Amino acid sequence: MILVRIGLAIILIFLSSYIIITKNFDLMTPMMLLLGMLMLFNGLVERQKDKKSFWGYLFITISLFLLVFSIQGLIL
């Protein structure tokens, strides 16, 4: 699980750097999809640490919004 989180974070850093440097915002939707996946993994890890963790629920909720809207952006 930790390798997935580190891998997603590294990919997000490189992708966001590329977007900022080239000012090519066509890759914003896939970046939001990866961000939603990273936040989902972070929320699940927080939930495993503490069952009543507010941050775990918050991360999972935000990740669901990000995933829904990024998939919608990919379809449209």
PDB file of N, CA and C in Angstrom:
ATOM      1  N   MET A   1       0.830  -1.194   0.000  1.00  0.00           N
ATOM      2  CA  MET A   1       0.000   0.000   0.000  1.00  0.00           C
ATOM      3  C   MET A   1       0.875   1.259   0.000  1.00  0.00           C
ATOM      4  N   ILE A   2       1.991   1.200   0.730  1.00  0.00           N
ATOM      5  CA  ILE A   2       2.865   2.372   0.793  1.00  0.00           C
ATOM      6  C   ILE A   2       3.541   2.624  -0.545  1.00  0.00           C
ATOM      7  N   LEU A   3       3.861   1.561  -1.277  1.00  0.00           N
ATOM      8  CA  LEU A   3       4.491   1.731  -2.586  1.00  0.00           C
ATOM      9  C   LEU A   3       3.534   2.373  -3.578  1.00  0.00           C
ATOM     10  N   VAL A   4       2.262   2.032  -3.486  1.00  0.00           N
ATOM     11  CA  VAL A   4       1.255   2.634  -4.374  1.00  0.00           C
ATOM     12  C   VAL A   4       1.132   4.119  -4.080  1.00  0.00           C
ATOM     13  N   ARG A   5       1.102   4.479  -2.803  1.00  0.00           N
ATOM     14  CA  ARG A   5       0.993   5.892  -2.434  1.00  0.00           C
ATOM     15  C   ARG A   5       2.207   6.684  -2.884  1.00  0.00           C
ATOM     16  N   ILE A   6       3.399   6.129  -2.707  1.00  0.00           N
ATOM     17  CA  ILE A   6       4.619   6.830  -3.129  1.00  0.00           C
ATOM     18  C   ILE A   6       4.662   6.943  -4.644  1.00  0.00           C
ATOM     19  N   GLY A   7       4.297   5.871  -5.338  1.00  0.00           N
ATOM     20  CA  GLY A   7       4.294   5.901  -6.800  1.00  0.00           C
ATOM     21  C   GLY A   7       3.324   6.927  -7.351  1.00  0.00           C
ATOM     22  N   LEU A   8       2.107   6.961  -6.789  1.00  0.00           N
ATOM     23  CA  LEU A   8       1.120   7.950  -7.238  1.00  0.00           C
ATOM     24  C   LEU A   8       1.591   9.373  -6.956  1.00  0.00           C
ATOM     25  N   ALA A   9       2.214   9.577  -5.800  1.00  0.00           N
ATOM     26  CA  ALA A   9       2.698  10.918  -5.454  1.00  0.00           C
ATOM     27  C   ALA A   9       3.796  11.365  -6.412  1.00  0.00           C
ATOM     28  N   ILE A  10       4.712  10.475  -6.773  1.00  0.00           N
ATOM     29  CA  ILE A  10       5.790  10.832  -7.696  1.00  0.00           C
ATOM     30  C   ILE A  10       5.235  11.135  -9.078  1.00  0.00           C
ATOM     31  N   ILE A  11       4.299  10.305  -9.551  1.00  0.00           N
ATOM     32  CA  ILE A  11       3.680  10.555 -10.859  1.00  0.00           C
ATOM     33  C   ILE A  11       2.949  11.896 -10.856  1.00  0.00           C
ATOM     34  N   LEU A  12       2.247  12.209  -9.762  1.00  0.00           N
ATOM     35  CA  LEU A  12       1.532  13.481  -9.673  1.00  0.00           C
ATOM     36  C   LEU A  12       2.477  14.674  -9.671  1.00  0.00           C
ATOM     37  N   ILE A  13       3.609  14.553  -9.011  1.00  0.00           N
ATOM     38  CA  ILE A  13       4.575  15.650  -8.980  1.00  0.00           C
ATOM     39  C   ILE A  13       5.113  15.912 -10.379  1.00  0.00           C
ATOM     40  N   PHE A  14       5.503  14.848 -11.089  1.00  0.00           N
ATOM     41  CA  PHE A  14       6.028  15.031 -12.445  1.00  0.00           C
ATOM     42  C   PHE A  14       4.957  15.554 -13.395  1.00  0.00           C
ATOM     43  N   LEU A  15       3.742  15.029 -13.291  1.00  0.00           N
ATOM     44  CA  LEU A  15       2.667  15.462 -14.178  1.00  0.00           C
ATOM     45  C   LEU A  15       2.287  16.918 -13.928  1.00  0.00           C
ATOM     46  N   SER A  16       2.192  17.309 -12.676  1.00  0.00           N
ATOM     47  CA  SER A  16       1.843  18.703 -12.382  1.00  0.00           C
ATOM     48  C   SER A  16       2.972  19.651 -12.769  1.00  0.00           C
ATOM     49  N   SER A  17       4.216  19.211 -12.606  1.00  0.00           N
ATOM     50  CA  SER A  17       5.343  20.040 -13.050  1.00  0.00           C
ATOM     51  C   SER A  17       5.309  20.229 -14.558  1.00  0.00           C
ATOM     52  N   TYR A  18       5.013  19.173 -15.280  1.00  0.00           N
ATOM     53  CA  TYR A  18       4.918  19.258 -16.739  1.00  0.00           C
ATOM     54  C   TYR A  18       3.807  20.223 -17.152  1.00  0.00           C
ATOM     55  N   ILE A  19       2.670  20.151 -16.459  1.00  0.00           N
ATOM     56  CA  ILE A  19       1.541  21.039 -16.786  1.00  0.00           C
ATOM     57  C   ILE A  19       1.912  22.494 -16.525  1.00  0.00           C
ATOM     58  N   ILE A  20       2.589  22.749 -15.431  1.00  0.00           N
ATOM     59  CA  ILE A  20       2.956  24.124 -15.093  1.00  0.00           C
ATOM     60  C   ILE A  20       4.009  24.671 -16.054  1.00  0.00           C
ATOM     61  N   ILE A  21       5.004  23.863 -16.375  1.00  0.00           N
ATOM     62  CA  ILE A  21       6.094  24.333 -17.241  1.00  0.00           C
ATOM     63  C   ILE A  21       5.608  24.577 -18.662  1.00  0.00           C
ATOM     64  N   THR A  22       4.835  23.631 -19.215  1.00  0.00           N
ATOM     65  CA  THR A  22       4.423  23.751 -20.618  1.00  0.00           C
ATOM     66  C   THR A  22       3.128  24.531 -20.788  1.00  0.00           C
ATOM     67  N   LYS A  23       2.408  24.777 -19.699  1.00  0.00           N
ATOM     68  CA  LYS A  23       1.104  25.449 -19.740  1.00  0.00           C
ATOM     69  C   LYS A  23       0.128  24.723 -20.672  1.00  0.00           C
ATOM     70  N   ASN A  24       0.245  23.401 -20.711  1.00  0.00           N
ATOM     71  CA  ASN A  24      -0.635  22.540 -21.482  1.00  0.00           C
ATOM     72  C   ASN A  24      -1.619  21.894 -20.502  1.00  0.00           C
ATOM     73  N   PHE A  25      -2.820  22.420 -20.439  1.00  0.00           N
ATOM     74  CA  PHE A  25      -3.772  21.987 -19.430  1.00  0.00           C
ATOM     75  C   PHE A  25      -4.663  20.839 -19.900  1.00  0.00           C
ATOM     76  N   ASP A  26      -4.291  20.187 -20.985  1.00  0.00           N
ATOM     77  CA  ASP A  26      -5.063  19.046 -21.465  1.00  0.00           C
ATOM     78  C   ASP A  26      -4.918  17.833 -20.545  1.00  0.00           C
ATOM     79  N   LEU A  27      -3.851  17.784 -19.772  1.00  0.00           N
ATOM     80  CA  LEU A  27      -3.608  16.646 -18.883  1.00  0.00           C
ATOM     81  C   LEU A  27      -4.167  16.866 -17.477  1.00  0.00           C
ATOM     82  N   MET A  28      -4.972  17.899 -17.303  1.00  0.00           N
ATOM     83  CA  MET A  28      -5.510  18.205 -15.981  1.00  0.00           C
ATOM     84  C   MET A  28      -6.491  17.133 -15.507  1.00  0.00           C
ATOM     85  N   THR A  29      -7.300  16.592 -16.406  1.00  0.00           N
ATOM     86  CA  THR A  29      -8.280  15.578 -16.015  1.00  0.00           C
ATOM     87  C   THR A  29      -7.618  14.289 -15.544  1.00  0.00           C
ATOM     88  N   PRO A  30      -6.625  13.746 -16.269  1.00  0.00           N
ATOM     89  CA  PRO A  30      -5.950  12.559 -15.729  1.00  0.00           C
ATOM     90  C   PRO A  30      -5.222  12.835 -14.418  1.00  0.00           C
ATOM     91  N   MET A  31      -4.719  14.065 -14.257  1.00  0.00           N
ATOM     92  CA  MET A  31      -4.060  14.398 -13.006  1.00  0.00           C
ATOM     93  C   MET A  31      -5.064  14.383 -11.846  1.00  0.00           C
ATOM     94  N   MET A  32      -6.270  14.885 -12.084  1.00  0.00           N
ATOM     95  CA  MET A  32      -7.298  14.855 -11.040  1.00  0.00           C
ATOM     96  C   MET A  32      -7.734  13.421 -10.729  1.00  0.00           C
ATOM     97  N   LEU A  33      -7.737  12.555 -11.721  1.00  0.00           N
ATOM     98  CA  LEU A  33      -8.050  11.156 -11.500  1.00  0.00           C
ATOM     99  C   LEU A  33      -6.998  10.506 -10.605  1.00  0.00           C
ATOM    100  N   LEU A  34      -5.732  10.770 -10.887  1.00  0.00           N
ATOM    101  CA  LEU A  34      -4.657  10.236 -10.046  1.00  0.00           C
ATOM    102  C   LEU A  34      -4.689  10.828  -8.640  1.00  0.00           C
ATOM    103  N   LEU A  35      -5.031  12.101  -8.532  1.00  0.00           N
ATOM    104  CA  LEU A  35      -5.144  12.740  -7.223  1.00  0.00           C
ATOM    105  C   LEU A  35      -6.277  12.121  -6.409  1.00  0.00           C
ATOM    106  N   GLY A  36      -7.386  11.822  -7.070  1.00  0.00           N
ATOM    107  CA  GLY A  36      -8.493  11.163  -6.381  1.00  0.00           C
ATOM    108  C   GLY A  36      -8.106   9.780  -5.886  1.00  0.00           C
ATOM    109  N   MET A  37      -7.329   9.042  -6.696  1.00  0.00           N
ATOM    110  CA  MET A  37      -6.871   7.720  -6.271  1.00  0.00           C
ATOM    111  C   MET A  37      -5.916   7.819  -5.090  1.00  0.00           C
ATOM    112  N   LEU A  38      -5.022   8.816  -5.116  1.00  0.00           N
ATOM    113  CA  LEU A  38      -4.085   9.006  -4.009  1.00  0.00           C
ATOM    114  C   LEU A  38      -4.830   9.364  -2.727  1.00  0.00           C
ATOM    115  N   MET A  39      -5.812  10.233  -2.831  1.00  0.00           N
ATOM    116  CA  MET A  39      -6.575  10.614  -1.636  1.00  0.00           C
ATOM    117  C   MET A  39      -7.406   9.452  -1.118  1.00  0.00           C
ATOM    118  N   LEU A  40      -7.888   8.593  -2.012  1.00  0.00           N
ATOM    119  CA  LEU A  40      -8.625   7.408  -1.582  1.00  0.00           C
ATOM    120  C   LEU A  40      -7.713   6.475  -0.796  1.00  0.00           C
ATOM    121  N   PHE A  41      -6.501   6.245  -1.282  1.00  0.00           N
ATOM    122  CA  PHE A  41      -5.553   5.405  -0.547  1.00  0.00           C
ATOM    123  C   PHE A  41      -5.192   6.031   0.798  1.00  0.00           C
ATOM    124  N   ASN A  42      -4.992   7.341   0.827  1.00  0.00           N
ATOM    125  CA  ASN A  42      -4.686   8.016   2.096  1.00  0.00           C
ATOM    126  C   ASN A  42      -5.849   7.895   3.082  1.00  0.00           C
ATOM    127  N   GLY A  43      -7.062   8.015   2.582  1.00  0.00           N
ATOM    128  CA  GLY A  43      -8.232   7.865   3.447  1.00  0.00           C
ATOM    129  C   GLY A  43      -8.363   6.463   4.002  1.00  0.00           C
ATOM    130  N   LEU A  44      -8.078   5.472   3.175  1.00  0.00           N
ATOM    131  CA  LEU A  44      -8.153   4.092   3.653  1.00  0.00           C
ATOM    132  C   LEU A  44      -7.077   3.798   4.696  1.00  0.00           C
ATOM    133  N   VAL A  45      -5.892   4.371   4.511  1.00  0.00           N
ATOM    134  CA  VAL A  45      -4.828   4.185   5.504  1.00  0.00           C
ATOM    135  C   VAL A  45      -5.200   4.858   6.816  1.00  0.00           C
ATOM    136  N   GLU A  46      -5.762   6.052   6.745  1.00  0.00           N
ATOM    137  CA  GLU A  46      -6.201   6.756   7.957  1.00  0.00           C
ATOM    138  C   GLU A  46      -7.304   5.985   8.670  1.00  0.00           C
ATOM    139  N   ARG A  47      -8.207   5.382   7.913  1.00  0.00           N
ATOM    140  CA  ARG A  47      -9.290   4.583   8.508  1.00  0.00           C
ATOM    141  C   ARG A  47      -8.738   3.338   9.187  1.00  0.00           C
ATOM    142  N   GLN A  48      -7.691   2.741   8.635  1.00  0.00           N
ATOM    143  CA  GLN A  48      -7.105   1.556   9.256  1.00  0.00           C
ATOM    144  C   GLN A  48      -6.386   1.910  10.548  1.00  0.00           C
ATOM    145  N   LYS A  49      -5.802   3.108  10.599  1.00  0.00           N
ATOM    146  CA  LYS A  49      -5.104   3.532  11.814  1.00  0.00           C
ATOM    147  C   LYS A  49      -6.081   3.771  12.954  1.00  0.00           C
ATOM    148  N   ASP A  50      -7.140   4.525  12.667  1.00  0.00           N
ATOM    149  CA  ASP A  50      -8.109   4.906  13.699  1.00  0.00           C
ATOM    150  C   ASP A  50      -9.504   4.803  13.107  1.00  0.00           C
ATOM    151  N   LYS A  51     -10.335   3.969  13.692  1.00  0.00           N
ATOM    152  CA  LYS A  51     -11.672   3.718  13.141  1.00  0.00           C
ATOM    153  C   LYS A  51     -12.568   4.955  13.178  1.00  0.00           C
ATOM    154  N   LYS A  52     -12.344   5.874  14.112  1.00  0.00           N
ATOM    155  CA  LYS A  52     -13.196   7.052  14.241  1.00  0.00           C
ATOM    156  C   LYS A  52     -12.512   8.311  13.709  1.00  0.00           C
ATOM    157  N   SER A  53     -11.579   8.130  12.808  1.00  0.00           N
ATOM    158  CA  SER A  53     -10.804   9.249  12.302  1.00  0.00           C
ATOM    159  C   SER A  53     -11.645  10.118  11.365  1.00  0.00           C
ATOM    160  N   PHE A  54     -11.722  11.400  11.668  1.00  0.00           N
ATOM    161  CA  PHE A  54     -12.430  12.355  10.826  1.00  0.00           C
ATOM    162  C   PHE A  54     -11.718  12.516   9.494  1.00  0.00           C
ATOM    163  N   TRP A  55     -10.385  12.534   9.508  1.00  0.00           N
ATOM    164  CA  TRP A  55      -9.592  12.756   8.295  1.00  0.00           C
ATOM    165  C   TRP A  55      -9.754  11.616   7.307  1.00  0.00           C
ATOM    166  N   GLY A  56      -9.910  10.405   7.799  1.00  0.00           N
ATOM    167  CA  GLY A  56     -10.127   9.275   6.902  1.00  0.00           C
ATOM    168  C   GLY A  56     -11.410   9.426   6.112  1.00  0.00           C
ATOM    169  N   TYR A  57     -12.480   9.774   6.804  1.00  0.00           N
ATOM    170  CA  TYR A  57     -13.759   9.991   6.121  1.00  0.00           C
ATOM    171  C   TYR A  57     -13.694  11.186   5.167  1.00  0.00           C
ATOM    172  N   LEU A  58     -12.997  12.235   5.579  1.00  0.00           N
ATOM    173  CA  LEU A  58     -12.879  13.420   4.733  1.00  0.00           C
ATOM    174  C   LEU A  58     -12.106  13.110   3.454  1.00  0.00           C
ATOM    175  N   PHE A  59     -10.994  12.393   3.584  1.00  0.00           N
ATOM    176  CA  PHE A  59     -10.216  12.016   2.401  1.00  0.00           C
ATOM    177  C   PHE A  59     -11.029  11.142   1.451  1.00  0.00           C
ATOM    178  N   ILE A  60     -11.765  10.198   1.986  1.00  0.00           N
ATOM    179  CA  ILE A  60     -12.561   9.302   1.146  1.00  0.00           C
ATOM    180  C   ILE A  60     -13.667  10.080   0.436  1.00  0.00           C
ATOM    181  N   THR A  61     -14.313  10.994   1.138  1.00  0.00           N
ATOM    182  CA  THR A  61     -15.381  11.795   0.535  1.00  0.00           C
ATOM    183  C   THR A  61     -14.841  12.684  -0.583  1.00  0.00           C
ATOM    184  N   ILE A  62     -13.744  13.366  -0.325  1.00  0.00           N
ATOM    185  CA  ILE A  62     -13.156  14.237  -1.344  1.00  0.00           C
ATOM    186  C   ILE A  62     -12.666  13.425  -2.534  1.00  0.00           C
ATOM    187  N   SER A  63     -12.107  12.256  -2.268  1.00  0.00           N
ATOM    188  CA  SER A  63     -11.621  11.427  -3.372  1.00  0.00           C
ATOM    189  C   SER A  63     -12.776  10.946  -4.243  1.00  0.00           C
ATOM    190  N   LEU A  64     -13.922  10.657  -3.654  1.00  0.00           N
ATOM    191  CA  LEU A  64     -15.069  10.246  -4.456  1.00  0.00           C
ATOM    192  C   LEU A  64     -15.540  11.372  -5.362  1.00  0.00           C
ATOM    193  N   PHE A  65     -15.569  12.601  -4.845  1.00  0.00           N
ATOM    194  CA  PHE A  65     -15.919  13.747  -5.690  1.00  0.00           C
ATOM    195  C   PHE A  65     -14.920  13.908  -6.832  1.00  0.00           C
ATOM    196  N   LEU A  66     -13.628  13.824  -6.519  1.00  0.00           N
ATOM    197  CA  LEU A  66     -12.604  13.961  -7.553  1.00  0.00           C
ATOM    198  C   LEU A  66     -12.721  12.866  -8.608  1.00  0.00           C
ATOM    199  N   LEU A  67     -12.947  11.639  -8.170  1.00  0.00           N
ATOM    200  CA  LEU A  67     -13.052  10.529  -9.116  1.00  0.00           C
ATOM    201  C   LEU A  67     -14.269  10.674 -10.019  1.00  0.00           C
ATOM    202  N   VAL A  68     -15.405  11.051  -9.431  1.00  0.00           N
ATOM    203  CA  VAL A  68     -16.631  11.199 -10.238  1.00  0.00           C
ATOM    204  C   VAL A  68     -16.473  12.292 -11.291  1.00  0.00           C
ATOM    205  N   PHE A  69     -15.951  13.448 -10.874  1.00  0.00           N
ATOM    206  CA  PHE A  69     -15.850  14.554 -11.817  1.00  0.00           C
ATOM    207  C   PHE A  69     -14.723  14.368 -12.826  1.00  0.00           C
ATOM    208  N   SER A  70     -13.650  13.669 -12.455  1.00  0.00           N
ATOM    209  CA  SER A  70     -12.599  13.424 -13.442  1.00  0.00           C
ATOM    210  C   SER A  70     -13.040  12.378 -14.456  1.00  0.00           C
ATOM    211  N   ILE A  71     -13.787  11.369 -14.039  1.00  0.00           N
ATOM    212  CA  ILE A  71     -14.336  10.400 -15.001  1.00  0.00           C
ATOM    213  C   ILE A  71     -15.347  11.080 -15.906  1.00  0.00           C
ATOM    214  N   GLN A  72     -16.156  11.979 -15.349  1.00  0.00           N
ATOM    215  CA  GLN A  72     -17.093  12.732 -16.160  1.00  0.00           C
ATOM    216  C   GLN A  72     -16.342  13.599 -17.182  1.00  0.00           C
ATOM    217  N   GLY A  73     -15.240  14.203 -16.782  1.00  0.00           N
ATOM    218  CA  GLY A  73     -14.433  15.002 -17.697  1.00  0.00           C
ATOM    219  C   GLY A  73     -13.799  14.173 -18.795  1.00  0.00           C
ATOM    220  N   LEU A  74     -13.419  12.945 -18.484  1.00  0.00           N
ATOM    221  CA  LEU A  74     -12.846  12.068 -19.498  1.00  0.00           C
ATOM    222  C   LEU A  74     -13.891  11.632 -20.507  1.00  0.00           C
ATOM    223  N   ILE A  75     -15.118  11.408 -20.046  1.00  0.00           N
ATOM    224  CA  ILE A  75     -16.194  10.963 -20.943  1.00  0.00           C
ATOM    225  C   ILE A  75     -16.640  12.081 -21.855  1.00  0.00           C
ATOM    226  N   LEU A  76     -16.781  13.281 -21.297  1.00  0.00           N
ATOM    227  CA  LEU A  76     -17.252  14.418 -22.098  1.00  0.00           C
ATOM    228  C   LEU A  76     -16.090  15.008 -22.791  1.00  0.00           C
TER     229      LEU A  76
END
